[in-house]
């Protein structure tokens, strides 16, 4: 797990994102933070990943966050976007 002090101002007391950072470094940290909520080797439906994202955010924009996690190579998906999974990351 990474050090997420950089996004601490964006988290509520329960660890949910209150807003989406605009600066790239903080945005990348927020996306990584959300990606760590996914289980390795689990395939999620679009509905399931939306529910997971919504459970860790207060601003309810799962489509944007899902797309951003995909664009940052944190998650992968099928061509029809019906299934999503955590992309394998090198161990730190």
PDB file of N, CA and C in Angstrom:
ATOM      1  N   UNK A   1       0.851  -1.184   0.000  1.00  0.00           N
ATOM      2  CA  UNK A   1       0.000   0.000   0.000  1.00  0.00           C
ATOM      3  C   UNK A   1       0.889   1.236   0.000  1.00  0.00           C
ATOM      4  N   UNK A   2       0.492   2.189  -0.797  1.00  0.00           N
ATOM      5  CA  UNK A   2       1.253   3.428  -0.913  1.00  0.00           C
ATOM      6  C   UNK A   2       0.883   4.397   0.208  1.00  0.00           C
ATOM      7  N   UNK A   3       1.692   5.415   0.320  1.00  0.00           N
ATOM      8  CA  UNK A   3       1.444   6.503   1.264  1.00  0.00           C
ATOM      9  C   UNK A   3       0.508   7.494   0.581  1.00  0.00           C
ATOM     10  N   UNK A   4      -0.671   7.679   1.122  1.00  0.00           N
ATOM     11  CA  UNK A   4      -1.682   8.524   0.495  1.00  0.00           C
ATOM     12  C   UNK A   4      -1.881   9.853   1.218  1.00  0.00           C
ATOM     13  N   UNK A   5      -0.854  10.339   1.895  1.00  0.00           N
ATOM     14  CA  UNK A   5      -0.979  11.646   2.554  1.00  0.00           C
ATOM     15  C   UNK A   5      -1.279  12.756   1.554  1.00  0.00           C
ATOM     16  N   UNK A   6      -0.800  12.586   0.322  1.00  0.00           N
ATOM     17  CA  UNK A   6      -1.007  13.600  -0.710  1.00  0.00           C
ATOM     18  C   UNK A   6      -2.499  13.836  -0.994  1.00  0.00           C
ATOM     19  N   UNK A   7      -3.324  12.806  -0.785  1.00  0.00           N
ATOM     20  CA  UNK A   7      -4.764  12.971  -1.043  1.00  0.00           C
ATOM     21  C   UNK A   7      -5.585  13.040   0.243  1.00  0.00           C
ATOM     22  N   UNK A   8      -4.925  13.124   1.381  1.00  0.00           N
ATOM     23  CA  UNK A   8      -5.644  13.189   2.663  1.00  0.00           C
ATOM     24  C   UNK A   8      -6.708  14.287   2.694  1.00  0.00           C
ATOM     25  N   UNK A   9      -6.456  15.469   2.150  1.00  0.00           N
ATOM     26  CA  UNK A   9      -7.503  16.504   2.167  1.00  0.00           C
ATOM     27  C   UNK A   9      -8.744  16.136   1.352  1.00  0.00           C
ATOM     28  N   UNK A  10      -8.618  15.154   0.487  1.00  0.00           N
ATOM     29  CA  UNK A  10      -9.731  14.736  -0.352  1.00  0.00           C
ATOM     30  C   UNK A  10     -10.518  13.567   0.240  1.00  0.00           C
ATOM     31  N   UNK A  11     -10.091  13.067   1.395  1.00  0.00           N
ATOM     32  CA  UNK A  11     -10.736  11.913   2.018  1.00  0.00           C
ATOM     33  C   UNK A  11     -11.542  12.325   3.242  1.00  0.00           C
ATOM     34  N   UNK A  12     -12.703  11.684   3.412  1.00  0.00           N
ATOM     35  CA  UNK A  12     -13.473  11.926   4.634  1.00  0.00           C
ATOM     36  C   UNK A  12     -12.944  11.024   5.740  1.00  0.00           C
ATOM     37  N   UNK A  13     -13.567  11.079   6.894  1.00  0.00           N
ATOM     38  CA  UNK A  13     -13.083  10.305   8.047  1.00  0.00           C
ATOM     39  C   UNK A  13     -13.160   8.801   7.813  1.00  0.00           C
ATOM     40  N   UNK A  14     -13.999   8.355   6.865  1.00  0.00           N
ATOM     41  CA  UNK A  14     -14.135   6.931   6.553  1.00  0.00           C
ATOM     42  C   UNK A  14     -13.270   6.497   5.371  1.00  0.00           C
ATOM     43  N   UNK A  15     -12.447   7.417   4.856  1.00  0.00           N
ATOM     44  CA  UNK A  15     -11.547   7.077   3.758  1.00  0.00           C
ATOM     45  C   UNK A  15     -12.174   7.168   2.383  1.00  0.00           C
ATOM     46  N   UNK A  16     -13.328   7.805   2.281  1.00  0.00           N
ATOM     47  CA  UNK A  16     -13.978   7.960   0.969  1.00  0.00           C
ATOM     48  C   UNK A  16     -13.543   9.281   0.335  1.00  0.00           C
ATOM     49  N   UNK A  17     -13.377   9.252  -0.988  1.00  0.00           N
ATOM     50  CA  UNK A  17     -13.022  10.476  -1.700  1.00  0.00           C
ATOM     51  C   UNK A  17     -14.191  11.444  -1.679  1.00  0.00           C
ATOM     52  N   UNK A  18     -13.932  12.669  -1.209  1.00  0.00           N
ATOM     53  CA  UNK A  18     -14.961  13.710  -1.169  1.00  0.00           C
ATOM     54  C   UNK A  18     -15.054  14.431  -2.503  1.00  0.00           C
ATOM     55  N   UNK A  19     -13.929  14.549  -3.185  1.00  0.00           N
ATOM     56  CA  UNK A  19     -13.886  15.190  -4.498  1.00  0.00           C
ATOM     57  C   UNK A  19     -12.701  14.620  -5.270  1.00  0.00           C
ATOM     58  N   UNK A  20     -12.704  14.873  -6.561  1.00  0.00           N
ATOM     59  CA  UNK A  20     -11.667  14.352  -7.445  1.00  0.00           C
ATOM     60  C   UNK A  20     -10.626  15.444  -7.678  1.00  0.00           C
ATOM     61  N   UNK A  21      -9.372  15.191  -7.311  1.00  0.00           N
ATOM     62  CA  UNK A  21      -8.339  16.218  -7.472  1.00  0.00           C
ATOM     63  C   UNK A  21      -8.171  16.647  -8.936  1.00  0.00           C
ATOM     64  N   UNK A  22      -7.716  17.862  -9.137  1.00  0.00           N
ATOM     65  CA  UNK A  22      -7.476  18.353 -10.492  1.00  0.00           C
ATOM     66  C   UNK A  22      -5.999  18.271 -10.877  1.00  0.00           C
ATOM     67  N   UNK A  23      -5.116  18.351  -9.907  1.00  0.00           N
ATOM     68  CA  UNK A  23      -3.681  18.255 -10.215  1.00  0.00           C
ATOM     69  C   UNK A  23      -3.333  16.800 -10.520  1.00  0.00           C
ATOM     70  N   UNK A  24      -2.531  16.614 -11.559  1.00  0.00           N
ATOM     71  CA  UNK A  24      -2.242  15.271 -12.073  1.00  0.00           C
ATOM     72  C   UNK A  24      -1.648  14.320 -11.033  1.00  0.00           C
ATOM     73  N   UNK A  25      -0.714  14.790 -10.228  1.00  0.00           N
ATOM     74  CA  UNK A  25      -0.081  13.912  -9.234  1.00  0.00           C
ATOM     75  C   UNK A  25      -1.107  13.433  -8.203  1.00  0.00           C
ATOM     76  N   UNK A  26      -1.969  14.326  -7.753  1.00  0.00           N
ATOM     77  CA  UNK A  26      -2.999  13.958  -6.780  1.00  0.00           C
ATOM     78  C   UNK A  26      -4.072  13.104  -7.426  1.00  0.00           C
ATOM     79  N   UNK A  27      -4.407  13.399  -8.674  1.00  0.00           N
ATOM     80  CA  UNK A  27      -5.392  12.606  -9.409  1.00  0.00           C
ATOM     81  C   UNK A  27      -4.899  11.165  -9.551  1.00  0.00           C
ATOM     82  N   UNK A  28      -3.622  11.004  -9.929  1.00  0.00           N
ATOM     83  CA  UNK A  28      -3.048   9.662 -10.078  1.00  0.00           C
ATOM     84  C   UNK A  28      -3.062   8.916  -8.753  1.00  0.00           C
ATOM     85  N   UNK A  29      -2.769   9.611  -7.661  1.00  0.00           N
ATOM     86  CA  UNK A  29      -2.786   8.975  -6.331  1.00  0.00           C
ATOM     87  C   UNK A  29      -4.209   8.560  -5.954  1.00  0.00           C
ATOM     88  N   UNK A  30      -5.192   9.401  -6.273  1.00  0.00           N
ATOM     89  CA  UNK A  30      -6.584   9.072  -5.969  1.00  0.00           C
ATOM     90  C   UNK A  30      -7.041   7.853  -6.762  1.00  0.00           C
ATOM     91  N   UNK A  31      -6.643   7.777  -8.020  1.00  0.00           N
ATOM     92  CA  UNK A  31      -7.018   6.624  -8.849  1.00  0.00           C
ATOM     93  C   UNK A  31      -6.353   5.349  -8.342  1.00  0.00           C
ATOM     94  N   UNK A  32      -5.092   5.445  -7.958  1.00  0.00           N
ATOM     95  CA  UNK A  32      -4.388   4.286  -7.402  1.00  0.00           C
ATOM     96  C   UNK A  32      -5.059   3.843  -6.100  1.00  0.00           C
ATOM     97  N   UNK A  33      -5.449   4.797  -5.284  1.00  0.00           N
ATOM     98  CA  UNK A  33      -6.144   4.519  -4.028  1.00  0.00           C
ATOM     99  C   UNK A  33      -7.419   3.717  -4.301  1.00  0.00           C
ATOM    100  N   UNK A  34      -8.202   4.159  -5.299  1.00  0.00           N
ATOM    101  CA  UNK A  34      -9.434   3.439  -5.638  1.00  0.00           C
ATOM    102  C   UNK A  34      -9.132   2.060  -6.211  1.00  0.00           C
ATOM    103  N   UNK A  35      -8.107   1.979  -7.051  1.00  0.00           N
ATOM    104  CA  UNK A  35      -7.756   0.693  -7.654  1.00  0.00           C
ATOM    105  C   UNK A  35      -7.372  -0.337  -6.593  1.00  0.00           C
ATOM    106  N   UNK A  36      -6.788   0.127  -5.500  1.00  0.00           N
ATOM    107  CA  UNK A  36      -6.407  -0.802  -4.432  1.00  0.00           C
ATOM    108  C   UNK A  36      -7.613  -1.397  -3.715  1.00  0.00           C
ATOM    109  N   UNK A  37      -8.788  -0.862  -3.963  1.00  0.00           N
ATOM    110  CA  UNK A  37     -10.004  -1.398  -3.353  1.00  0.00           C
ATOM    111  C   UNK A  37     -10.511  -2.624  -4.113  1.00  0.00           C
ATOM    112  N   UNK A  38      -9.995  -2.842  -5.318  1.00  0.00           N
ATOM    113  CA  UNK A  38     -10.381  -4.004  -6.112  1.00  0.00           C
ATOM    114  C   UNK A  38      -9.550  -5.206  -5.700  1.00  0.00           C
ATOM    115  N   UNK A  39     -10.140  -6.370  -5.789  1.00  0.00           N
ATOM    116  CA  UNK A  39      -9.424  -7.595  -5.463  1.00  0.00           C
ATOM    117  C   UNK A  39      -8.687  -8.100  -6.694  1.00  0.00           C
ATOM    118  N   UNK A  40      -7.483  -8.622  -6.465  1.00  0.00           N
ATOM    119  CA  UNK A  40      -6.712  -9.202  -7.564  1.00  0.00           C
ATOM    120  C   UNK A  40      -7.428 -10.435  -8.096  1.00  0.00           C
ATOM    121  N   UNK A  41      -7.312 -10.641  -9.395  1.00  0.00           N
ATOM    122  CA  UNK A  41      -7.844 -11.831 -10.070  1.00  0.00           C
ATOM    123  C   UNK A  41      -9.360 -11.978  -9.951  1.00  0.00           C
ATOM    124  N   UNK A  42     -10.065 -10.871  -9.753  1.00  0.00           N
ATOM    125  CA  UNK A  42     -11.524 -10.876  -9.722  1.00  0.00           C
ATOM    126  C   UNK A  42     -12.025 -10.088 -10.922  1.00  0.00           C
ATOM    127  N   UNK A  43     -12.997 -10.649 -11.617  1.00  0.00           N
ATOM    128  CA  UNK A  43     -13.596  -9.983 -12.764  1.00  0.00           C
ATOM    129  C   UNK A  43     -14.908  -9.347 -12.300  1.00  0.00           C
ATOM    130  N   UNK A  44     -15.048  -8.048 -12.522  1.00  0.00           N
ATOM    131  CA  UNK A  44     -16.220  -7.297 -12.085  1.00  0.00           C
ATOM    132  C   UNK A  44     -17.095  -6.935 -13.282  1.00  0.00           C
ATOM    133  N   UNK A  45     -18.394  -6.991 -13.102  1.00  0.00           N
ATOM    134  CA  UNK A  45     -19.291  -6.463 -14.116  1.00  0.00           C
ATOM    135  C   UNK A  45     -19.255  -4.938 -14.013  1.00  0.00           C
ATOM    136  N   UNK A  46     -19.789  -4.252 -15.003  1.00  0.00           N
ATOM    137  CA  UNK A  46     -19.828  -2.792 -14.941  1.00  0.00           C
ATOM    138  C   UNK A  46     -20.607  -2.329 -13.715  1.00  0.00           C
ATOM    139  N   UNK A  47     -21.719  -3.001 -13.439  1.00  0.00           N
ATOM    140  CA  UNK A  47     -22.526  -2.641 -12.270  1.00  0.00           C
ATOM    141  C   UNK A  47     -21.731  -2.823 -10.974  1.00  0.00           C
ATOM    142  N   UNK A  48     -21.010  -3.922 -10.864  1.00  0.00           N
ATOM    143  CA  UNK A  48     -20.230  -4.191  -9.650  1.00  0.00           C
ATOM    144  C   UNK A  48     -19.115  -3.169  -9.452  1.00  0.00           C
ATOM    145  N   UNK A  49     -18.403  -2.827 -10.522  1.00  0.00           N
ATOM    146  CA  UNK A  49     -17.309  -1.862 -10.363  1.00  0.00           C
ATOM    147  C   UNK A  49     -17.867  -0.480 -10.059  1.00  0.00           C
ATOM    148  N   UNK A  50     -19.023  -0.141 -10.640  1.00  0.00           N
ATOM    149  CA  UNK A  50     -19.662   1.140 -10.314  1.00  0.00           C
ATOM    150  C   UNK A  50     -20.043   1.190  -8.839  1.00  0.00           C
ATOM    151  N   UNK A  51     -20.602   0.111  -8.323  1.00  0.00           N
ATOM    152  CA  UNK A  51     -20.988   0.050  -6.911  1.00  0.00           C
ATOM    153  C   UNK A  51     -19.763   0.178  -6.006  1.00  0.00           C
ATOM    154  N   UNK A  52     -18.677  -0.475  -6.378  1.00  0.00           N
ATOM    155  CA  UNK A  52     -17.454  -0.392  -5.586  1.00  0.00           C
ATOM    156  C   UNK A  52     -16.921   1.041  -5.596  1.00  0.00           C
ATOM    157  N   UNK A  53     -16.864   1.655  -6.760  1.00  0.00           N
ATOM    158  CA  UNK A  53     -16.393   3.043  -6.860  1.00  0.00           C
ATOM    159  C   UNK A  53     -17.295   3.956  -6.035  1.00  0.00           C
ATOM    160  N   UNK A  54     -18.600   3.787  -6.163  1.00  0.00           N
ATOM    161  CA  UNK A  54     -19.539   4.624  -5.406  1.00  0.00           C
ATOM    162  C   UNK A  54     -19.411   4.434  -3.905  1.00  0.00           C
ATOM    163  N   UNK A  55     -19.020   3.244  -3.476  1.00  0.00           N
ATOM    164  CA  UNK A  55     -18.871   3.015  -2.038  1.00  0.00           C
ATOM    165  C   UNK A  55     -17.628   3.711  -1.469  1.00  0.00           C
ATOM    166  N   UNK A  56     -16.681   4.083  -2.333  1.00  0.00           N
ATOM    167  CA  UNK A  56     -15.457   4.748  -1.893  1.00  0.00           C
ATOM    168  C   UNK A  56     -15.384   6.216  -2.313  1.00  0.00           C
ATOM    169  N   UNK A  57     -16.490   6.754  -2.838  1.00  0.00           N
ATOM    170  CA  UNK A  57     -16.533   8.166  -3.223  1.00  0.00           C
ATOM    171  C   UNK A  57     -17.847   8.780  -2.742  1.00  0.00           C
ATOM    172  N   UNK A  58     -17.828  10.084  -2.595  1.00  0.00           N
ATOM    173  CA  UNK A  58     -19.040  10.795  -2.188  1.00  0.00           C
ATOM    174  C   UNK A  58     -19.656  11.584  -3.333  1.00  0.00           C
ATOM    175  N   UNK A  59     -18.951  11.726  -4.440  1.00  0.00           N
ATOM    176  CA  UNK A  59     -19.437  12.577  -5.521  1.00  0.00           C
ATOM    177  C   UNK A  59     -20.081  11.822  -6.676  1.00  0.00           C
ATOM    178  N   UNK A  60     -20.139  10.529  -6.611  1.00  0.00           N
ATOM    179  CA  UNK A  60     -20.885   9.664  -7.509  1.00  0.00           C
ATOM    180  C   UNK A  60     -20.678   9.944  -9.009  1.00  0.00           C
ATOM    181  N   UNK A  61     -19.476   9.671  -9.481  1.00  0.00           N
ATOM    182  CA  UNK A  61     -19.185   9.756 -10.911  1.00  0.00           C
ATOM    183  C   UNK A  61     -18.388   8.519 -11.320  1.00  0.00           C
ATOM    184  N   UNK A  62     -19.003   7.329 -11.215  1.00  0.00           N
ATOM    185  CA  UNK A  62     -18.248   6.105 -11.479  1.00  0.00           C
ATOM    186  C   UNK A  62     -17.768   5.992 -12.920  1.00  0.00           C
ATOM    187  N   UNK A  63     -18.506   6.544 -13.879  1.00  0.00           N
ATOM    188  CA  UNK A  63     -18.092   6.437 -15.282  1.00  0.00           C
ATOM    189  C   UNK A  63     -16.756   7.145 -15.507  1.00  0.00           C
ATOM    190  N   UNK A  64     -16.620   8.344 -14.981  1.00  0.00           N
ATOM    191  CA  UNK A  64     -15.361   9.082 -15.131  1.00  0.00           C
ATOM    192  C   UNK A  64     -14.225   8.358 -14.432  1.00  0.00           C
ATOM    193  N   UNK A  65     -14.443   7.916 -13.216  1.00  0.00           N
ATOM    194  CA  UNK A  65     -13.379   7.254 -12.460  1.00  0.00           C
ATOM    195  C   UNK A  65     -12.997   5.915 -13.086  1.00  0.00           C
ATOM    196  N   UNK A  66     -13.973   5.186 -13.554  1.00  0.00           N
ATOM    197  CA  UNK A  66     -13.719   3.903 -14.224  1.00  0.00           C
ATOM    198  C   UNK A  66     -12.879   4.143 -15.484  1.00  0.00           C
ATOM    199  N   UNK A  67     -13.251   5.127 -16.279  1.00  0.00           N
ATOM    200  CA  UNK A  67     -12.529   5.459 -17.512  1.00  0.00           C
ATOM    201  C   UNK A  67     -11.104   5.936 -17.184  1.00  0.00           C
ATOM    202  N   UNK A  68     -10.972   6.765 -16.154  1.00  0.00           N
ATOM    203  CA  UNK A  68      -9.650   7.260 -15.768  1.00  0.00           C
ATOM    204  C   UNK A  68      -8.755   6.127 -15.255  1.00  0.00           C
ATOM    205  N   UNK A  69      -9.312   5.198 -14.485  1.00  0.00           N
ATOM    206  CA  UNK A  69      -8.513   4.064 -14.024  1.00  0.00           C
ATOM    207  C   UNK A  69      -8.057   3.222 -15.214  1.00  0.00           C
ATOM    208  N   UNK A  70      -8.925   3.070 -16.206  1.00  0.00           N
ATOM    209  CA  UNK A  70      -8.553   2.342 -17.425  1.00  0.00           C
ATOM    210  C   UNK A  70      -7.460   3.104 -18.183  1.00  0.00           C
ATOM    211  N   UNK A  71      -7.629   4.396 -18.358  1.00  0.00           N
ATOM    212  CA  UNK A  71      -6.649   5.211 -19.089  1.00  0.00           C
ATOM    213  C   UNK A  71      -5.288   5.250 -18.398  1.00  0.00           C
ATOM    214  N   UNK A  72      -5.279   5.109 -17.077  1.00  0.00           N
ATOM    215  CA  UNK A  72      -4.026   5.089 -16.318  1.00  0.00           C
ATOM    216  C   UNK A  72      -3.482   3.664 -16.151  1.00  0.00           C
ATOM    217  N   UNK A  73      -4.080   2.706 -16.851  1.00  0.00           N
ATOM    218  CA  UNK A  73      -3.636   1.306 -16.842  1.00  0.00           C
ATOM    219  C   UNK A  73      -3.681   0.665 -15.463  1.00  0.00           C
ATOM    220  N   UNK A  74      -4.663   1.078 -14.672  1.00  0.00           N
ATOM    221  CA  UNK A  74      -4.861   0.464 -13.362  1.00  0.00           C
ATOM    222  C   UNK A  74      -5.841  -0.695 -13.448  1.00  0.00           C
ATOM    223  N   UNK A  75      -6.794  -0.580 -14.356  1.00  0.00           N
ATOM    224  CA  UNK A  75      -7.735  -1.664 -14.614  1.00  0.00           C
ATOM    225  C   UNK A  75      -7.763  -1.936 -16.114  1.00  0.00           C
ATOM    226  N   UNK A  76      -8.232  -3.121 -16.464  1.00  0.00           N
ATOM    227  CA  UNK A  76      -8.415  -3.474 -17.866  1.00  0.00           C
ATOM    228  C   UNK A  76      -9.864  -3.886 -18.039  1.00  0.00           C
ATOM    229  N   UNK A  77     -10.299  -4.051 -19.289  1.00  0.00           N
ATOM    230  CA  UNK A  77     -11.691  -4.375 -19.550  1.00  0.00           C
ATOM    231  C   UNK A  77     -11.816  -5.120 -20.864  1.00  0.00           C
ATOM    232  N   UNK A  78     -12.962  -5.744 -21.034  1.00  0.00           N
ATOM    233  CA  UNK A  78     -13.262  -6.369 -22.317  1.00  0.00           C
ATOM    234  C   UNK A  78     -13.611  -5.272 -23.314  1.00  0.00           C
ATOM    235  N   UNK A  79     -13.574  -5.602 -24.612  1.00  0.00           N
ATOM    236  CA  UNK A  79     -13.870  -4.602 -25.645  1.00  0.00           C
ATOM    237  C   UNK A  79     -15.273  -4.022 -25.519  1.00  0.00           C
ATOM    238  N   UNK A  80     -16.226  -4.843 -25.074  1.00  0.00           N
ATOM    239  CA  UNK A  80     -17.605  -4.351 -24.943  1.00  0.00           C
ATOM    240  C   UNK A  80     -17.867  -3.683 -23.587  1.00  0.00           C
ATOM    241  N   UNK A  81     -16.830  -3.555 -22.777  1.00  0.00           N
ATOM    242  CA  UNK A  81     -16.902  -2.892 -21.463  1.00  0.00           C
ATOM    243  C   UNK A  81     -17.862  -3.576 -20.490  1.00  0.00           C
ATOM    244  N   UNK A  82     -18.063  -4.855 -20.669  1.00  0.00           N
ATOM    245  CA  UNK A  82     -18.970  -5.570 -19.771  1.00  0.00           C
ATOM    246  C   UNK A  82     -18.252  -6.155 -18.561  1.00  0.00           C
ATOM    247  N   UNK A  83     -16.930  -6.302 -18.652  1.00  0.00           N
ATOM    248  CA  UNK A  83     -16.154  -6.869 -17.552  1.00  0.00           C
ATOM    249  C   UNK A  83     -14.888  -6.054 -17.327  1.00  0.00           C
ATOM    250  N   UNK A  84     -14.533  -5.908 -16.042  1.00  0.00           N
ATOM    251  CA  UNK A  84     -13.360  -5.133 -15.636  1.00  0.00           C
ATOM    252  C   UNK A  84     -12.571  -5.931 -14.615  1.00  0.00           C
ATOM    253  N   UNK A  85     -11.265  -5.720 -14.588  1.00  0.00           N
ATOM    254  CA  UNK A  85     -10.415  -6.380 -13.597  1.00  0.00           C
ATOM    255  C   UNK A  85      -9.203  -5.507 -13.345  1.00  0.00           C
ATOM    256  N   UNK A  86      -8.566  -5.754 -12.215  1.00  0.00           N
ATOM    257  CA  UNK A  86      -7.371  -5.035 -11.818  1.00  0.00           C
ATOM    258  C   UNK A  86      -6.220  -5.469 -12.723  1.00  0.00           C
ATOM    259  N   UNK A  87      -5.563  -4.490 -13.317  1.00  0.00           N
ATOM    260  CA  UNK A  87      -4.407  -4.815 -14.158  1.00  0.00           C
ATOM    261  C   UNK A  87      -3.253  -5.191 -13.243  1.00  0.00           C
ATOM    262  N   UNK A  88      -2.499  -6.183 -13.629  1.00  0.00           N
ATOM    263  CA  UNK A  88      -1.383  -6.620 -12.784  1.00  0.00           C
ATOM    264  C   UNK A  88      -0.303  -5.549 -12.764  1.00  0.00           C
ATOM    265  N   UNK A  89       0.042  -5.121 -11.565  1.00  0.00           N
ATOM    266  CA  UNK A  89       1.049  -4.087 -11.366  1.00  0.00           C
ATOM    267  C   UNK A  89       2.316  -4.748 -10.815  1.00  0.00           C
ATOM    268  N   UNK A  90       3.478  -4.238 -11.223  1.00  0.00           N
ATOM    269  CA  UNK A  90       4.717  -4.777 -10.640  1.00  0.00           C
ATOM    270  C   UNK A  90       4.756  -4.492  -9.142  1.00  0.00           C
ATOM    271  N   UNK A  91       5.285  -5.419  -8.405  1.00  0.00           N
ATOM    272  CA  UNK A  91       5.403  -5.258  -6.952  1.00  0.00           C
ATOM    273  C   UNK A  91       6.460  -4.206  -6.653  1.00  0.00           C
ATOM    274  N   UNK A  92       6.185  -3.382  -5.642  1.00  0.00           N
ATOM    275  CA  UNK A  92       7.150  -2.321  -5.262  1.00  0.00           C
ATOM    276  C   UNK A  92       8.052  -2.801  -4.173  1.00  0.00           C
TER     277      UNK A  92
END
